[in-house]
N, C-alpha and C. Protein backbone atom coordinates (compact mmCIF):
# COMPACT_ATOMS: atom_id res chain seq x y z
N MET A 1 -147.18 69.84 101.98
CA MET A 1 -148.12 69.49 101.46
C MET A 1 -147.76 68.61 100.20
N ALA A 2 -148.57 67.40 99.80
CA ALA A 2 -148.15 66.90 98.10
C ALA A 2 -148.60 67.78 97.38
N SER A 3 -147.53 67.72 95.98
CA SER A 3 -147.49 68.02 95.02
C SER A 3 -148.85 67.35 94.08
N TRP A 4 -149.72 67.70 93.81
CA TRP A 4 -151.00 66.80 93.14
C TRP A 4 -150.99 67.18 91.32
N GLY A 5 -151.42 66.14 90.84
CA GLY A 5 -150.93 66.70 89.20
C GLY A 5 -152.66 66.75 89.05
N GLY A 6 -152.87 66.84 87.67
CA GLY A 6 -154.50 66.92 87.43
C GLY A 6 -154.60 68.10 86.20
N ALA A 7 -155.59 68.90 86.77
CA ALA A 7 -155.63 69.94 84.63
C ALA A 7 -156.21 71.04 84.91
N LEU A 8 -155.97 72.25 84.56
CA LEU A 8 -156.61 73.30 84.79
C LEU A 8 -157.09 73.86 83.30
N HIS A 9 -158.40 74.13 83.54
CA HIS A 9 -159.03 74.72 81.67
C HIS A 9 -159.15 75.95 81.72
N LEU A 10 -158.90 76.78 81.14
CA LEU A 10 -158.95 78.14 80.84
C LEU A 10 -160.34 78.40 80.90
N GLN A 11 -161.43 79.26 82.11
CA GLN A 11 -162.58 79.30 82.34
C GLN A 11 -163.17 80.70 81.30
N ALA A 12 -162.36 81.65 81.21
CA ALA A 12 -162.87 82.88 80.76
C ALA A 12 -162.00 83.96 81.14
N ILE A 13 -161.51 84.38 79.76
CA ILE A 13 -160.78 85.81 79.38
C ILE A 13 -161.53 87.16 80.14
N ILE A 14 -161.20 88.03 81.51
CA ILE A 14 -162.27 88.74 81.50
C ILE A 14 -162.58 90.04 80.49
N THR A 15 -161.82 89.94 79.46
CA THR A 15 -161.67 91.02 78.55
C THR A 15 -162.89 90.44 77.26
N GLY A 16 -163.67 89.68 77.72
CA GLY A 16 -164.45 89.07 76.67
C GLY A 16 -163.91 87.91 75.18
N ILE A 17 -162.91 87.63 75.94
CA ILE A 17 -161.89 86.74 74.56
C ILE A 17 -162.04 85.31 75.43
N VAL A 18 -163.25 84.37 75.07
CA VAL A 18 -163.32 83.04 76.01
C VAL A 18 -162.84 81.79 74.91
N CYS A 19 -161.65 81.19 75.44
CA CYS A 19 -160.86 80.26 74.57
C CYS A 19 -161.12 79.12 75.33
N ALA A 20 -161.35 77.68 74.72
CA ALA A 20 -161.77 76.44 74.94
C ALA A 20 -160.09 75.95 74.73
N SER A 21 -159.44 75.99 76.21
CA SER A 21 -158.32 75.16 76.20
C SER A 21 -157.88 74.68 77.23
N ALA A 22 -157.00 73.76 77.47
CA ALA A 22 -156.66 73.07 78.83
C ALA A 22 -155.31 73.55 79.22
N VAL A 23 -155.08 73.86 80.44
CA VAL A 23 -153.29 73.93 80.68
C VAL A 23 -153.05 72.63 81.63
N ALA A 24 -152.22 71.81 80.69
CA ALA A 24 -151.80 70.19 81.69
C ALA A 24 -150.78 70.50 82.59
N LEU A 25 -151.02 70.12 83.88
CA LEU A 25 -149.99 70.07 84.82
C LEU A 25 -149.14 68.76 84.98
N ALA A 26 -149.42 68.22 86.14
CA ALA A 26 -148.55 67.00 86.07
C ALA A 26 -148.97 66.00 85.49
N ALA A 27 -150.57 65.51 84.80
CA ALA A 27 -150.92 64.83 83.97
C ALA A 27 -151.61 65.31 83.00
N PRO A 28 -150.88 65.35 81.71
CA PRO A 28 -151.03 65.67 80.00
C PRO A 28 -152.30 64.60 79.79
N GLY A 29 -153.11 65.22 78.81
CA GLY A 29 -153.94 64.82 78.34
C GLY A 29 -155.39 65.08 78.76
N ASP A 30 -155.67 65.45 80.22
CA ASP A 30 -157.28 65.64 80.97
C ASP A 30 -157.16 67.41 80.58
N GLY A 31 -158.29 67.26 79.85
CA GLY A 31 -158.94 68.68 79.42
C GLY A 31 -159.95 69.42 79.66
N GLY A 32 -160.22 70.20 79.31
CA GLY A 32 -161.57 70.84 79.53
C GLY A 32 -162.53 71.59 78.76
N ARG A 33 -163.26 72.47 78.71
CA ARG A 33 -164.11 72.97 77.81
C ARG A 33 -164.54 74.48 78.33
N GLY A 34 -163.85 75.62 77.71
CA GLY A 34 -163.92 77.01 78.04
C GLY A 34 -165.64 77.48 78.39
N ALA A 35 -166.02 78.45 79.71
CA ALA A 35 -167.11 78.90 79.63
C ALA A 35 -166.94 80.17 80.04
N VAL A 36 -168.14 80.90 80.25
CA VAL A 36 -167.72 82.22 80.83
C VAL A 36 -168.71 82.10 81.93
N ALA A 37 -167.70 82.78 83.20
CA ALA A 37 -167.58 82.61 84.51
C ALA A 37 -167.81 83.93 85.01
N ALA A 38 -168.24 83.86 86.28
CA ALA A 38 -168.02 85.18 86.94
C ALA A 38 -166.68 85.12 87.49
N GLU A 39 -166.43 86.29 87.93
CA GLU A 39 -165.03 86.30 88.28
C GLU A 39 -164.71 86.00 90.03
N PRO A 40 -163.58 85.26 90.06
CA PRO A 40 -163.59 84.74 91.20
C PRO A 40 -163.22 85.97 91.97
N ASP A 41 -163.34 85.90 93.30
CA ASP A 41 -163.09 86.54 94.28
C ASP A 41 -161.59 85.88 95.29
N PRO A 42 -160.55 87.46 94.51
CA PRO A 42 -159.27 87.31 94.64
C PRO A 42 -158.57 87.45 96.14
N SER A 43 -159.33 87.73 97.05
CA SER A 43 -159.10 88.37 98.46
C SER A 43 -158.64 87.42 99.15
N ALA A 44 -158.43 85.44 98.77
CA ALA A 44 -157.90 84.50 99.61
C ALA A 44 -156.62 84.11 99.49
N SER A 45 -155.88 84.92 98.29
CA SER A 45 -154.73 84.58 98.51
C SER A 45 -154.27 85.11 97.33
N ARG A 46 -153.04 86.37 97.02
CA ARG A 46 -152.58 87.05 96.03
C ARG A 46 -151.16 87.37 95.88
N GLU A 47 -150.66 86.88 95.16
CA GLU A 47 -149.67 87.01 94.93
C GLU A 47 -149.19 87.88 93.42
N THR A 48 -147.97 89.20 93.86
CA THR A 48 -147.63 89.52 92.61
C THR A 48 -146.46 89.88 92.18
N SER A 49 -146.15 89.92 91.20
CA SER A 49 -144.49 89.43 91.15
C SER A 49 -143.73 91.04 90.77
N ARG A 50 -144.19 91.95 90.67
CA ARG A 50 -143.95 93.55 90.69
C ARG A 50 -145.37 94.06 90.96
N ARG A 51 -145.01 95.61 91.48
CA ARG A 51 -146.30 96.69 91.68
C ARG A 51 -146.00 97.20 90.08
N GLY A 52 -147.29 96.78 89.48
CA GLY A 52 -147.69 97.24 88.24
C GLY A 52 -149.40 97.95 88.19
N ASP A 53 -149.83 98.26 87.20
CA ASP A 53 -150.97 99.18 86.57
C ASP A 53 -151.85 97.79 86.48
N PHE A 54 -152.39 96.84 86.65
CA PHE A 54 -153.54 95.96 86.00
C PHE A 54 -154.71 96.45 85.30
N SER A 55 -154.83 97.90 85.61
CA SER A 55 -156.82 98.20 85.53
C SER A 55 -156.64 98.08 83.70
N HIS A 56 -156.01 98.13 82.75
CA HIS A 56 -156.24 98.26 81.83
C HIS A 56 -155.60 96.85 81.00
N GLY A 57 -155.34 95.93 81.89
CA GLY A 57 -154.61 94.53 81.12
C GLY A 57 -155.80 93.67 80.94
N ILE A 58 -155.62 92.81 81.18
CA ILE A 58 -156.31 91.08 81.20
C ILE A 58 -156.19 90.25 82.20
N ALA A 59 -157.51 89.80 82.36
CA ALA A 59 -157.74 88.44 83.81
C ALA A 59 -158.29 87.65 83.29
N ILE A 60 -157.18 86.39 83.31
CA ILE A 60 -157.57 85.11 83.05
C ILE A 60 -157.72 84.17 84.59
N VAL A 61 -159.53 83.58 83.99
CA VAL A 61 -159.77 82.82 85.14
C VAL A 61 -159.55 81.51 84.71
N LEU A 62 -158.74 80.35 85.71
CA LEU A 62 -158.30 78.80 85.41
C LEU A 62 -159.00 78.19 86.34
N ALA A 63 -159.96 77.12 85.76
CA ALA A 63 -160.66 75.96 86.69
C ALA A 63 -160.75 75.24 86.95
N PRO A 64 -159.88 74.19 87.69
CA PRO A 64 -159.50 73.14 88.14
C PRO A 64 -160.34 72.02 87.41
N GLU A 65 -159.99 71.01 86.90
CA GLU A 65 -160.71 69.94 86.44
C GLU A 65 -160.80 68.76 87.70
N TRP A 66 -161.32 68.82 88.28
CA TRP A 66 -161.58 68.41 89.59
C TRP A 66 -161.80 66.99 89.35
N GLY A 67 -162.36 66.34 88.50
CA GLY A 67 -162.71 64.50 88.31
C GLY A 67 -161.42 64.51 87.68
N ALA A 68 -160.10 65.19 86.76
CA ALA A 68 -158.97 64.65 86.73
C ALA A 68 -157.82 64.62 87.94
N VAL A 69 -157.84 65.30 88.75
CA VAL A 69 -157.47 66.37 89.96
C VAL A 69 -157.52 64.57 90.67
N TYR A 70 -158.73 63.95 90.96
CA TYR A 70 -159.44 62.84 91.53
C TYR A 70 -158.94 61.71 90.90
N ARG A 71 -159.08 61.76 90.00
CA ARG A 71 -158.05 60.48 89.23
C ARG A 71 -156.86 60.26 89.49
N HIS A 72 -156.26 61.21 89.60
CA HIS A 72 -154.62 61.30 89.65
C HIS A 72 -154.24 61.23 90.83
N ALA A 73 -155.05 61.77 91.46
CA ALA A 73 -154.63 61.35 93.32
C ALA A 73 -155.45 59.75 93.69
N LEU A 74 -156.07 58.85 93.19
CA LEU A 74 -156.46 58.03 93.15
C LEU A 74 -155.27 56.55 92.49
N ARG A 75 -154.74 57.48 91.40
CA ARG A 75 -153.79 56.55 91.11
C ARG A 75 -152.45 57.16 91.84
N ARG A 76 -152.29 57.82 92.31
CA ARG A 76 -151.20 57.94 92.97
C ARG A 76 -151.16 57.24 94.82
N ILE A 77 -152.42 57.03 94.85
CA ILE A 77 -152.73 56.06 96.44
C ILE A 77 -152.18 54.83 96.06
N ARG A 78 -152.64 54.28 94.88
CA ARG A 78 -152.84 53.07 94.84
C ARG A 78 -150.92 52.62 94.08
N ASP A 79 -150.97 53.57 93.53
CA ASP A 79 -149.02 53.20 93.46
C ASP A 79 -148.11 53.47 95.01
N ASP A 80 -148.60 54.74 95.63
CA ASP A 80 -147.95 54.11 96.83
C ASP A 80 -148.10 52.88 97.77
N VAL A 81 -149.42 52.92 97.63
CA VAL A 81 -149.69 51.47 98.53
C VAL A 81 -148.74 50.05 97.95
N ARG A 82 -149.00 49.42 96.73
CA ARG A 82 -148.47 49.04 95.87
C ARG A 82 -146.57 48.88 96.37
N THR A 83 -146.41 49.82 96.51
CA THR A 83 -145.10 50.36 96.94
C THR A 83 -144.57 49.75 98.13
N GLU A 84 -145.54 50.23 99.14
CA GLU A 84 -145.52 49.79 100.43
C GLU A 84 -145.40 48.76 101.34
N LEU A 85 -146.63 48.00 100.04
CA LEU A 85 -147.32 46.27 100.31
C LEU A 85 -145.75 45.89 100.30
N GLY A 86 -145.32 46.05 98.94
CA GLY A 86 -144.02 45.51 98.29
C GLY A 86 -142.84 45.59 99.51
N ALA A 87 -142.29 46.62 99.97
CA ALA A 87 -141.52 47.19 101.00
C ALA A 87 -141.80 46.16 102.40
N GLY A 88 -142.77 45.97 102.94
CA GLY A 88 -143.19 44.96 103.65
C GLY A 88 -143.52 43.92 103.17
N LYS A 89 -143.01 43.20 102.09
CA LYS A 89 -143.30 41.98 101.70
C LYS A 89 -144.47 40.95 101.93
N ILE A 90 -145.44 42.33 101.58
CA ILE A 90 -146.95 41.53 102.30
C ILE A 90 -147.50 40.87 100.43
N ARG A 91 -148.03 39.83 100.61
CA ARG A 91 -148.60 39.25 99.44
C ARG A 91 -150.16 39.65 99.21
N HIS A 92 -150.33 40.08 98.03
CA HIS A 92 -151.88 40.95 98.10
C HIS A 92 -151.59 40.43 96.52
N ASP A 93 -153.05 40.69 96.41
CA ASP A 93 -153.30 40.42 94.36
C ASP A 93 -154.48 41.60 94.09
N ASP A 94 -155.24 41.59 93.24
CA ASP A 94 -156.06 42.30 92.42
C ASP A 94 -155.85 43.64 93.09
N LEU A 95 -154.60 44.39 92.90
CA LEU A 95 -154.60 45.35 93.62
C LEU A 95 -155.71 46.75 92.10
N ARG A 96 -156.30 47.80 92.53
CA ARG A 96 -157.09 48.32 91.74
C ARG A 96 -157.86 49.43 91.83
N ILE A 97 -158.25 50.28 91.16
CA ILE A 97 -158.98 51.39 91.44
C ILE A 97 -160.71 51.07 90.93
N SER A 98 -161.69 50.98 92.21
CA SER A 98 -162.96 50.75 91.79
C SER A 98 -163.87 51.69 92.76
N GLY A 99 -164.62 51.91 92.15
CA GLY A 99 -165.86 52.86 93.18
C GLY A 99 -165.24 54.03 93.91
N GLY A 100 -164.39 54.67 93.32
CA GLY A 100 -163.88 55.85 94.20
C GLY A 100 -162.63 55.48 95.47
N ALA A 101 -162.28 53.87 95.03
CA ALA A 101 -161.34 53.79 95.81
C ALA A 101 -160.65 52.84 95.58
N VAL A 102 -159.27 52.57 96.44
CA VAL A 102 -158.30 51.95 95.39
C VAL A 102 -158.31 50.61 97.10
N ARG A 103 -158.73 49.34 96.07
CA ARG A 103 -158.63 48.18 96.96
C ARG A 103 -157.89 46.87 96.49
N PHE A 104 -158.14 46.32 97.06
CA PHE A 104 -156.55 44.94 97.02
C PHE A 104 -157.51 43.94 98.20
N ARG A 105 -156.86 42.94 97.90
CA ARG A 105 -157.04 41.56 98.67
C ARG A 105 -155.44 40.84 99.26
N VAL A 106 -155.49 41.13 100.58
CA VAL A 106 -154.23 40.06 101.53
C VAL A 106 -154.32 38.63 101.27
N HIS A 107 -153.28 37.85 100.82
CA HIS A 107 -153.41 36.46 101.20
C HIS A 107 -153.20 35.74 102.33
N ASP A 108 -152.97 36.37 103.33
CA ASP A 108 -152.87 36.31 104.68
C ASP A 108 -153.46 36.99 105.81
N ALA A 109 -154.89 36.69 106.06
CA ALA A 109 -155.75 37.19 107.04
C ALA A 109 -154.29 37.67 108.71
N SER A 110 -153.54 36.84 108.60
CA SER A 110 -152.64 37.70 109.96
C SER A 110 -152.22 38.99 109.44
N ALA A 111 -151.81 39.22 108.11
CA ALA A 111 -151.25 40.21 107.58
C ALA A 111 -152.15 41.67 107.45
N ILE A 112 -152.91 41.73 107.83
CA ILE A 112 -154.05 42.78 107.93
C ILE A 112 -153.51 43.60 108.57
N GLU A 113 -153.11 43.59 109.81
CA GLU A 113 -152.32 44.87 110.15
C GLU A 113 -151.13 45.48 110.22
N ARG A 114 -150.60 44.64 109.46
CA ARG A 114 -149.02 45.02 108.82
C ARG A 114 -149.75 45.77 107.21
N ALA A 115 -150.83 44.69 106.67
CA ALA A 115 -151.07 45.72 105.24
C ALA A 115 -151.69 47.47 105.58
N ARG A 116 -152.55 47.53 107.11
CA ARG A 116 -153.11 48.54 107.82
C ARG A 116 -151.99 49.39 107.65
N GLU A 117 -150.50 49.36 108.30
CA GLU A 117 -149.85 49.85 108.39
C GLU A 117 -149.26 50.39 107.13
N SER A 118 -148.78 49.73 106.37
CA SER A 118 -148.70 50.11 104.92
C SER A 118 -148.95 50.70 104.83
N VAL A 119 -150.57 51.19 104.63
CA VAL A 119 -151.44 52.03 104.11
C VAL A 119 -151.59 53.47 104.48
N ALA A 120 -150.85 53.43 106.03
CA ALA A 120 -150.90 54.07 107.05
C ALA A 120 -149.42 55.12 106.05
N ARG A 121 -148.39 54.47 106.08
CA ARG A 121 -147.29 55.18 105.22
C ARG A 121 -147.25 55.29 104.07
N ALA A 122 -148.25 55.26 103.37
CA ALA A 122 -148.20 55.50 101.80
C ALA A 122 -149.07 56.98 102.21
N ALA A 123 -150.03 56.72 102.47
CA ALA A 123 -150.70 58.89 103.55
C ALA A 123 -149.81 59.27 104.18
N ARG A 124 -148.63 58.96 104.50
CA ARG A 124 -147.54 59.93 105.12
C ARG A 124 -146.81 60.63 104.25
N SER A 125 -146.65 59.48 103.17
CA SER A 125 -145.60 59.69 102.29
C SER A 125 -146.67 60.85 101.14
N LEU A 126 -147.81 60.86 101.08
CA LEU A 126 -148.49 61.88 100.42
C LEU A 126 -148.70 62.83 101.01
N ASN A 127 -148.64 63.43 102.63
CA ASN A 127 -148.74 64.41 103.36
C ASN A 127 -150.34 64.62 103.44
N LEU A 128 -150.66 63.40 103.68
CA LEU A 128 -152.29 63.45 103.90
C LEU A 128 -152.31 64.00 105.44
N PRO A 129 -153.68 64.13 106.07
CA PRO A 129 -153.36 64.56 107.25
C PRO A 129 -153.36 63.11 108.27
N GLN A 130 -153.29 63.15 108.92
CA GLN A 130 -152.52 61.90 110.00
C GLN A 130 -153.54 61.73 111.37
N ALA A 131 -153.96 62.49 112.21
CA ALA A 131 -154.64 62.61 113.20
C ALA A 131 -155.80 61.80 112.99
N SER A 132 -155.92 60.87 114.16
CA SER A 132 -156.92 59.67 114.40
C SER A 132 -158.51 60.72 114.06
N SER A 133 -158.56 62.03 114.70
CA SER A 133 -159.73 62.44 114.54
C SER A 133 -160.05 62.98 113.04
N MET A 134 -158.93 62.98 112.51
CA MET A 134 -159.23 63.75 111.18
C MET A 134 -158.22 62.83 110.01
N PRO A 135 -158.34 61.62 109.85
CA PRO A 135 -157.32 60.69 108.92
C PRO A 135 -157.83 61.28 107.41
N GLY A 136 -156.79 61.43 106.54
CA GLY A 136 -156.78 62.02 105.16
C GLY A 136 -157.38 60.37 104.36
N LEU A 137 -157.40 59.36 104.81
CA LEU A 137 -157.70 58.01 104.37
C LEU A 137 -158.35 57.10 105.47
N GLU A 138 -159.56 56.63 104.55
CA GLU A 138 -160.58 55.73 105.25
C GLU A 138 -160.05 54.52 105.14
N VAL A 139 -159.59 53.64 105.84
CA VAL A 139 -159.31 52.41 105.75
C VAL A 139 -160.41 51.34 106.12
N GLN A 140 -160.89 50.38 105.33
CA GLN A 140 -162.25 49.21 105.70
C GLN A 140 -160.93 47.98 105.22
N ALA A 141 -160.82 47.10 105.98
CA ALA A 141 -160.31 45.75 105.79
C ALA A 141 -161.61 44.71 106.23
N ALA A 142 -161.67 43.65 105.52
CA ALA A 142 -162.46 42.52 105.85
C ALA A 142 -161.42 41.49 106.66
N PRO A 143 -163.26 40.72 107.37
CA PRO A 143 -162.02 39.45 107.75
C PRO A 143 -161.14 38.86 106.69
N ASP A 144 -161.69 38.32 105.58
CA ASP A 144 -161.23 37.72 104.03
C ASP A 144 -159.83 38.50 103.71
N GLY A 145 -159.72 39.81 104.36
CA GLY A 145 -158.62 40.28 103.26
C GLY A 145 -158.63 40.98 102.06
N GLU A 146 -160.01 41.28 102.19
CA GLU A 146 -159.91 42.53 100.77
C GLU A 146 -160.30 43.89 101.63
N PHE A 147 -159.46 44.62 100.94
CA PHE A 147 -159.27 46.10 101.73
C PHE A 147 -159.69 47.15 100.72
N SER A 148 -160.69 48.41 101.51
CA SER A 148 -161.09 49.46 100.48
C SER A 148 -160.43 50.66 101.06
N VAL A 149 -160.00 51.69 100.48
CA VAL A 149 -158.90 52.75 100.55
C VAL A 149 -159.85 53.62 99.63
N GLN A 150 -160.43 54.80 100.66
CA GLN A 150 -160.59 55.93 99.77
C GLN A 150 -160.51 57.26 100.92
N LEU A 151 -160.31 58.45 100.04
CA LEU A 151 -160.11 59.69 100.90
C LEU A 151 -161.30 60.12 101.16
N THR A 152 -161.44 60.36 102.68
CA THR A 152 -162.26 61.24 103.61
C THR A 152 -162.48 62.87 103.13
N GLY A 153 -163.06 63.55 104.01
CA GLY A 153 -163.37 64.72 103.31
C GLY A 153 -162.16 65.63 103.77
N PHE A 154 -161.28 65.23 104.65
CA PHE A 154 -160.07 65.69 105.35
C PHE A 154 -159.36 65.72 104.45
N GLY A 155 -159.29 64.43 103.88
CA GLY A 155 -158.04 63.93 102.73
C GLY A 155 -158.53 64.66 101.49
N LEU A 156 -159.70 65.01 101.07
CA LEU A 156 -160.36 65.46 100.02
C LEU A 156 -159.86 67.12 99.39
N ALA A 157 -160.06 67.87 101.43
CA ALA A 157 -159.70 69.10 101.48
C ALA A 157 -158.11 69.13 101.04
N SER A 158 -157.23 68.10 101.48
CA SER A 158 -156.22 68.54 101.63
C SER A 158 -155.72 68.29 100.25
N LEU A 159 -156.32 67.97 99.57
CA LEU A 159 -155.95 67.28 97.88
C LEU A 159 -156.30 68.74 97.02
N HIS A 160 -157.20 69.45 97.57
CA HIS A 160 -158.02 70.56 96.97
C HIS A 160 -156.82 71.54 97.30
N ASP A 161 -156.29 71.70 98.46
CA ASP A 161 -155.51 72.74 98.68
C ASP A 161 -154.25 72.45 98.10
N GLY A 162 -153.76 71.01 98.15
CA GLY A 162 -152.41 70.86 97.15
C GLY A 162 -152.31 71.16 95.88
N PHE A 163 -153.77 70.66 95.17
CA PHE A 163 -153.40 70.95 93.77
C PHE A 163 -153.40 72.82 93.14
N ILE A 164 -154.01 73.79 94.23
CA ILE A 164 -154.27 74.87 94.09
C ILE A 164 -152.89 75.41 94.20
N ALA A 165 -151.57 75.23 95.26
CA ALA A 165 -150.53 75.25 95.27
C ALA A 165 -149.69 75.23 94.31
N THR A 166 -149.98 73.74 93.97
CA THR A 166 -148.85 73.23 93.00
C THR A 166 -149.38 74.00 91.26
N SER A 167 -150.86 74.10 90.72
CA SER A 167 -151.07 74.80 89.90
C SER A 167 -150.31 76.56 89.74
N LYS A 168 -150.55 76.96 90.88
CA LYS A 168 -149.69 78.57 90.80
C LYS A 168 -148.57 78.37 91.03
N ARG A 169 -147.84 77.59 91.59
CA ARG A 169 -146.51 77.14 91.60
C ARG A 169 -145.86 77.34 89.89
N GLU A 170 -146.93 76.01 89.33
CA GLU A 170 -146.29 75.88 87.79
C GLU A 170 -146.63 77.00 87.10
N LEU A 171 -147.56 77.87 87.46
CA LEU A 171 -148.14 78.92 86.24
C LEU A 171 -147.21 80.30 86.38
N LYS A 172 -146.69 80.25 87.69
CA LYS A 172 -145.34 81.22 87.97
C LYS A 172 -144.21 80.81 87.30
N ARG A 173 -143.92 79.53 87.46
CA ARG A 173 -142.68 79.20 86.48
C ARG A 173 -142.83 79.01 85.05
N ARG A 174 -143.90 78.99 84.69
CA ARG A 174 -144.43 78.76 83.10
C ARG A 174 -143.88 80.69 82.44
N LEU A 175 -145.07 81.36 83.60
CA LEU A 175 -144.75 82.61 83.17
C LEU A 175 -143.35 83.13 83.39
N SER A 176 -142.64 83.34 84.55
CA SER A 176 -141.34 83.65 84.72
C SER A 176 -140.35 82.89 83.45
N GLY A 177 -140.65 81.49 83.04
CA GLY A 177 -139.57 81.25 81.53
C GLY A 177 -140.33 81.87 80.74
N SER A 178 -141.50 82.45 80.40
CA SER A 178 -141.88 83.21 78.86
C SER A 178 -142.01 84.86 78.97
N GLY A 179 -141.21 85.22 79.85
CA GLY A 179 -140.68 86.77 80.25
C GLY A 179 -141.57 87.44 80.85
N PHE A 180 -143.38 86.91 81.13
CA PHE A 180 -144.21 87.41 81.91
C PHE A 180 -143.45 87.55 82.96
N ASP A 181 -142.82 88.67 83.24
CA ASP A 181 -142.52 89.20 85.22
C ASP A 181 -143.27 90.66 85.80
N ASP A 182 -143.97 90.22 84.79
CA ASP A 182 -145.29 91.38 85.55
C ASP A 182 -146.72 90.97 86.06
N TYR A 183 -147.49 90.43 86.89
CA TYR A 183 -148.70 89.79 86.94
C TYR A 183 -149.09 89.56 88.36
N LEU A 184 -150.61 89.42 88.11
CA LEU A 184 -151.24 89.33 90.15
C LEU A 184 -151.95 87.89 89.89
N LEU A 185 -151.21 87.25 90.31
CA LEU A 185 -151.80 85.89 90.82
C LEU A 185 -152.54 85.23 92.38
N SER A 186 -153.84 85.25 92.26
CA SER A 186 -154.79 85.08 92.92
C SER A 186 -155.85 83.60 93.04
N ASP A 187 -156.10 83.41 94.15
CA ASP A 187 -157.19 82.42 93.88
C ASP A 187 -158.29 82.60 94.99
N ASP A 188 -159.83 82.07 94.63
CA ASP A 188 -160.84 82.16 95.56
C ASP A 188 -160.94 81.02 96.51
N GLY A 189 -159.97 80.02 96.06
CA GLY A 189 -160.48 78.80 96.93
C GLY A 189 -160.74 77.61 95.74
N GLY A 190 -161.01 78.00 94.90
CA GLY A 190 -161.89 77.21 94.06
C GLY A 190 -161.25 77.26 92.41
N ARG A 191 -160.77 78.82 92.36
CA ARG A 191 -159.85 79.20 90.76
C ARG A 191 -159.18 79.88 91.34
N ILE A 192 -158.39 80.03 89.80
CA ILE A 192 -157.13 80.74 90.61
C ILE A 192 -157.41 81.96 89.18
N ARG A 193 -157.06 82.96 89.41
CA ARG A 193 -156.92 84.47 88.68
C ARG A 193 -155.82 84.75 88.61
N LEU A 194 -155.57 85.28 86.93
CA LEU A 194 -154.26 85.94 86.51
C LEU A 194 -154.54 87.40 85.91
N GLU A 195 -153.91 88.25 86.29
CA GLU A 195 -154.20 89.52 85.95
C GLU A 195 -152.47 89.64 85.24
N ILE A 196 -152.86 90.11 84.12
CA ILE A 196 -151.36 90.73 83.27
C ILE A 196 -151.93 92.37 82.39
N PRO A 197 -150.54 93.35 83.17
CA PRO A 197 -150.70 94.53 82.49
C PRO A 197 -151.16 94.54 81.24
N PRO A 198 -151.64 95.53 80.58
CA PRO A 198 -151.37 95.65 79.36
C PRO A 198 -150.17 95.32 78.55
N VAL A 199 -150.26 94.43 77.54
CA VAL A 199 -148.92 93.81 76.44
C VAL A 199 -149.42 94.30 75.25
N ALA A 200 -148.43 93.86 74.56
CA ALA A 200 -148.89 94.46 73.33
C ALA A 200 -149.07 93.13 72.76
N ALA A 201 -149.09 91.82 73.05
CA ALA A 201 -150.16 90.74 72.82
C ALA A 201 -150.55 89.71 73.51
N PRO A 202 -151.70 90.68 74.10
CA PRO A 202 -152.75 89.53 75.17
C PRO A 202 -152.88 88.31 74.66
N ALA A 203 -153.28 87.87 73.67
CA ALA A 203 -153.43 86.62 73.27
C ALA A 203 -152.02 85.25 73.14
N HIS A 204 -150.93 86.14 73.16
CA HIS A 204 -149.87 85.37 73.60
C HIS A 204 -149.55 84.76 75.30
N ALA A 205 -149.70 86.24 75.84
CA ALA A 205 -149.69 86.12 77.37
C ALA A 205 -151.00 85.11 77.57
N GLY A 206 -152.19 84.68 77.07
CA GLY A 206 -153.13 83.84 77.37
C GLY A 206 -152.83 82.45 77.01
N ARG A 207 -151.76 82.36 75.62
CA ARG A 207 -151.46 80.97 74.93
C ARG A 207 -150.04 80.29 76.65
N GLN A 208 -149.57 80.95 76.97
CA GLN A 208 -148.30 81.14 77.88
C GLN A 208 -149.29 80.32 79.51
N CYS A 209 -150.39 80.58 79.59
CA CYS A 209 -150.83 79.77 80.89
C CYS A 209 -151.26 78.75 80.23
């Protein structure tokens, strides 16, 4: 599974203290505004660092900024496509992100199939789905060499799962590095919930997230 970048925003602290804050993961600078939200269902995925009493602690809900995640993914696809086209010595120009797709034009129409293979290699390097029945990338090539590459529904699902997994790994790293060894980390497939037992400084715990 690819390690995707993006941003999480602190959506709510269940104790009622609501903050407007952002946690930048791999793409600093993308943030979001806090808002009170319903608690996510933690049944999908739970990770406990230790067995502790969480009944009187704090619960923090973190929601992905999916727009930032998607933009970061398109930049990675563009950069990987550029690398593969260069490695294949395929002359091209106007490589860009436009209309939710990565676009470029190959100079020689005879290189269209080789360019398709380069895009397929880029998809493999990103660990996107490869099966013909569920491709992660949709590739359209015009006879004049104009290419359009965009994420399919399968690719978006892979991106979604990959970002949640990346976010939880980063949260665990930051929490452990800041001395928070007792916590419960879970997700409902769309948001992440962090539960911390009673601590002397709950605001400090929130800042570490």
